[in-house]
Amino acid sequence: MGILSGNPQDEPMHYGEVFGVWSYLSASKGLLVTYQMFINHTGDKDLKGFLEDLTRAMQQEIQQVENLLKANGVAPPPTPAERPVASLESIPAGARFNDPEIAAGVGHDLAAGLVACSQIIGQCIREDIAMMYSQFHSAKVQFGQRLLRISKEKGWLVPPPLHLQTPELVHA
């Protein structure tokens, strides 16, 4: 196999891996500062704790991905400034994100993150990168399950119309 044999970390990244990893990092950095802002807006202690855990996990992911890109000679995307801590009471009521909106938005982002991780895993030829994104994917599944439980417990989950009855089949 030549260049693709031996230690995966010694293998070059192909253009698809570079683009996928770089794009994932760029999106993660943007979401991190958004979630820092959401922490300021939430009044629910369970949601706040969830967001704090999620942002800590994201900071670790971001560091891993930045290290990967730097080790492969790729400049990482710019990092937005971290958001300052603010008191919920200092944010006018009409300007606040409310807890159900935050939970729904983060849930959507987690679902999109699962797709992004799966896409990167699928295009990888480097096992170490595929494994790293498999771990990210697994963490997103766990965070998604935790958020779903919180949303159900708080009554924030708005389900689509439920299909309770199936129509009677007409035999011809």
Protein backbone atom coordinates (compact mmCIF):
# COMPACT_ATOMS: atom_id res chain seq x y z
CA MET A 1 0.00 0.00 0.00
CA GLY A 2 3.05 2.26 0.14
CA ILE A 3 2.26 5.69 1.60
CA LEU A 4 -0.93 4.43 3.25
CA SER A 5 0.72 1.70 5.32
CA GLY A 6 2.07 1.85 8.82
CA ASN A 7 1.11 4.42 11.43
CA PRO A 8 -2.04 6.31 10.29
CA GLN A 9 -0.71 9.51 11.84
CA ASP A 10 2.18 9.38 9.37
CA GLU A 11 -0.22 9.23 6.42
CA PRO A 12 -1.16 12.44 4.63
CA MET A 13 -4.72 13.71 4.88
CA HIS A 14 -6.55 13.81 1.56
CA TYR A 15 -8.38 16.94 0.44
CA GLY A 16 -11.78 15.63 1.51
CA GLU A 17 -10.54 14.91 5.02
CA VAL A 18 -8.94 18.35 5.25
CA PHE A 19 -12.11 20.10 4.06
CA GLY A 20 -14.41 18.06 6.31
CA VAL A 21 -12.26 18.47 9.40
CA TRP A 22 -11.66 22.18 8.78
CA SER A 23 -15.37 22.84 8.16
CA TYR A 24 -16.35 20.87 11.26
CA LEU A 25 -13.91 22.89 13.33
CA SER A 26 -15.19 26.17 11.95
CA ALA A 27 -18.80 25.25 12.77
CA SER A 28 -17.85 23.96 16.23
CA LYS A 29 -16.09 27.21 17.10
CA GLY A 30 -19.17 29.20 16.08
CA LEU A 31 -21.52 26.95 18.03
CA LEU A 32 -19.32 27.11 21.12
CA VAL A 33 -19.70 30.88 21.46
CA THR A 34 -23.43 30.58 20.71
CA TYR A 35 -23.82 28.06 23.53
CA GLN A 36 -21.82 30.31 25.86
CA MET A 37 -24.40 32.99 25.09
CA PHE A 38 -27.24 30.50 25.67
CA ILE A 39 -25.83 29.74 29.14
CA ASN A 40 -26.40 33.42 29.97
CA HIS A 41 -29.99 33.24 28.71
CA THR A 42 -31.20 30.06 30.35
CA GLY A 43 -33.04 30.14 33.64
CA ASP A 44 -33.40 26.37 34.00
CA LYS A 45 -30.66 24.79 36.12
CA ASP A 46 -30.82 21.43 34.31
CA LEU A 47 -30.49 23.04 30.89
CA LYS A 48 -27.72 25.30 32.16
CA GLY A 49 -25.79 22.30 33.53
CA PHE A 50 -26.31 20.48 30.24
CA LEU A 51 -24.96 23.45 28.26
CA GLU A 52 -21.95 23.78 30.56
CA ASP A 53 -21.13 20.08 30.09
CA LEU A 54 -21.66 20.37 26.35
CA THR A 55 -19.39 23.40 26.00
CA ARG A 56 -16.63 21.67 28.00
CA ALA A 57 -16.86 18.67 25.67
CA MET A 58 -16.82 20.96 22.64
CA GLN A 59 -13.70 22.75 23.89
CA GLN A 60 -11.93 19.38 24.10
CA GLU A 61 -13.08 18.43 20.59
CA ILE A 62 -11.94 21.78 19.22
CA GLN A 63 -8.50 21.32 20.77
CA GLN A 64 -8.16 17.81 19.32
CA VAL A 65 -9.19 18.92 15.84
CA GLU A 66 -6.93 21.99 15.92
CA ASN A 67 -4.00 19.79 16.93
CA LEU A 68 -4.77 17.41 14.05
CA LEU A 69 -4.87 20.22 11.49
CA LYS A 70 -1.70 21.86 12.81
CA ALA A 71 0.15 18.53 12.80
CA ASN A 72 -0.78 18.20 9.13
CA GLY A 73 0.26 21.72 8.18
CA VAL A 74 -3.26 23.11 7.83
CA ALA A 75 -4.07 26.48 9.38
CA PRO A 76 -7.23 26.21 11.53
CA PRO A 77 -10.15 28.58 11.00
CA PRO A 78 -10.30 31.73 13.12
CA THR A 79 -11.61 31.46 16.66
CA PRO A 80 -14.40 33.87 17.65
CA ALA A 81 -14.03 35.69 20.95
CA GLU A 82 -15.52 33.87 23.93
CA ARG A 83 -18.71 35.38 25.26
CA PRO A 84 -18.63 36.99 28.69
CA VAL A 85 -20.72 35.66 31.56
CA ALA A 86 -23.85 37.76 32.07
CA SER A 87 -26.63 37.73 34.60
CA LEU A 88 -29.99 36.52 33.27
CA GLU A 89 -31.66 39.48 34.96
CA SER A 90 -29.49 41.92 32.99
CA ILE A 91 -30.96 40.66 29.69
CA PRO A 92 -34.32 42.32 28.91
CA ALA A 93 -37.16 39.79 28.87
CA GLY A 94 -38.05 40.51 25.25
CA ALA A 95 -34.43 40.06 24.15
CA ARG A 96 -33.87 36.68 25.84
CA PHE A 97 -33.88 33.30 24.24
CA ASN A 98 -36.25 31.16 26.26
CA ASP A 99 -35.36 27.70 27.50
CA PRO A 100 -37.54 25.69 25.05
CA GLU A 101 -36.04 27.66 22.13
CA ILE A 102 -32.53 26.97 23.37
CA ALA A 103 -33.23 23.25 23.83
CA ALA A 104 -34.78 22.94 20.36
CA GLY A 105 -31.91 24.81 18.69
CA VAL A 106 -29.22 22.78 20.44
CA GLY A 107 -31.08 19.57 19.60
CA HIS A 108 -31.10 20.55 15.94
CA ASP A 109 -27.38 21.32 16.09
CA LEU A 110 -26.62 17.96 17.71
CA ALA A 111 -28.53 16.17 14.94
CA ALA A 112 -26.61 18.11 12.29
CA GLY A 113 -23.38 17.26 14.10
CA LEU A 114 -24.20 13.55 13.89
CA VAL A 115 -24.55 13.86 10.13
CA ALA A 116 -21.30 15.85 9.85
CA CYS A 117 -19.38 13.28 11.91
CA SER A 118 -20.84 10.42 9.87
CA GLN A 119 -19.86 12.12 6.62
CA ILE A 120 -16.28 12.67 7.79
CA ILE A 121 -16.04 9.07 9.02
CA GLY A 122 -17.33 7.83 5.66
CA GLN A 123 -14.77 9.73 3.62
CA CYS A 124 -11.76 8.98 5.85
CA ILE A 125 -8.90 6.82 4.73
CA ARG A 126 -7.00 7.55 7.93
CA GLU A 127 -8.19 5.27 10.72
CA ASP A 128 -7.14 7.69 13.47
CA ILE A 129 -9.34 10.46 12.08
CA ALA A 130 -12.27 8.08 11.56
CA MET A 131 -11.89 6.86 15.15
CA MET A 132 -11.73 10.41 16.52
CA TYR A 133 -14.95 11.34 14.71
CA SER A 134 -16.58 8.07 15.84
CA GLN A 135 -15.92 9.23 19.41
CA PHE A 136 -17.35 12.68 18.65
CA HIS A 137 -20.41 10.99 17.11
CA SER A 138 -20.90 8.81 20.17
CA ALA A 139 -20.66 11.82 22.49
CA LYS A 140 -23.27 13.68 20.40
CA VAL A 141 -25.63 10.71 20.66
CA GLN A 142 -25.29 10.78 24.45
CA PHE A 143 -25.79 14.55 24.64
CA GLY A 144 -28.81 14.25 22.33
CA GLN A 145 -30.38 11.59 24.54
CA ARG A 146 -29.76 13.70 27.63
CA LEU A 147 -31.31 16.78 26.01
CA LEU A 148 -34.32 14.77 24.84
CA ARG A 149 -34.91 13.56 28.40
CA ILE A 150 -34.64 17.12 29.76
CA SER A 151 -37.00 18.44 27.07
CA LYS A 152 -39.59 15.76 27.82
CA GLU A 153 -39.37 16.27 31.59
CA LYS A 154 -39.79 20.05 31.23
CA GLY A 155 -42.65 19.79 28.74
CA TRP A 156 -40.64 21.58 26.05
CA LEU A 157 -40.84 18.85 23.43
CA VAL A 158 -43.37 19.67 20.74
CA PRO A 159 -43.99 16.42 18.87
CA PRO A 160 -45.18 16.35 15.29
CA PRO A 161 -48.76 15.11 14.77
CA LEU A 162 -48.94 11.62 16.19
CA HIS A 163 -50.25 8.86 13.95
CA LEU A 164 -52.44 6.90 16.34
CA GLN A 165 -54.79 5.10 13.94
CA THR A 166 -54.00 3.40 10.72
CA PRO A 167 -56.63 3.57 8.00
CA GLU A 168 -58.50 0.40 7.23
CA LEU A 169 -57.12 -1.27 4.12
CA VAL A 170 -59.49 -1.69 1.23
CA HIS A 171 -59.08 -5.04 -0.50
CA ALA A 172 -59.70 -4.92 -4.22
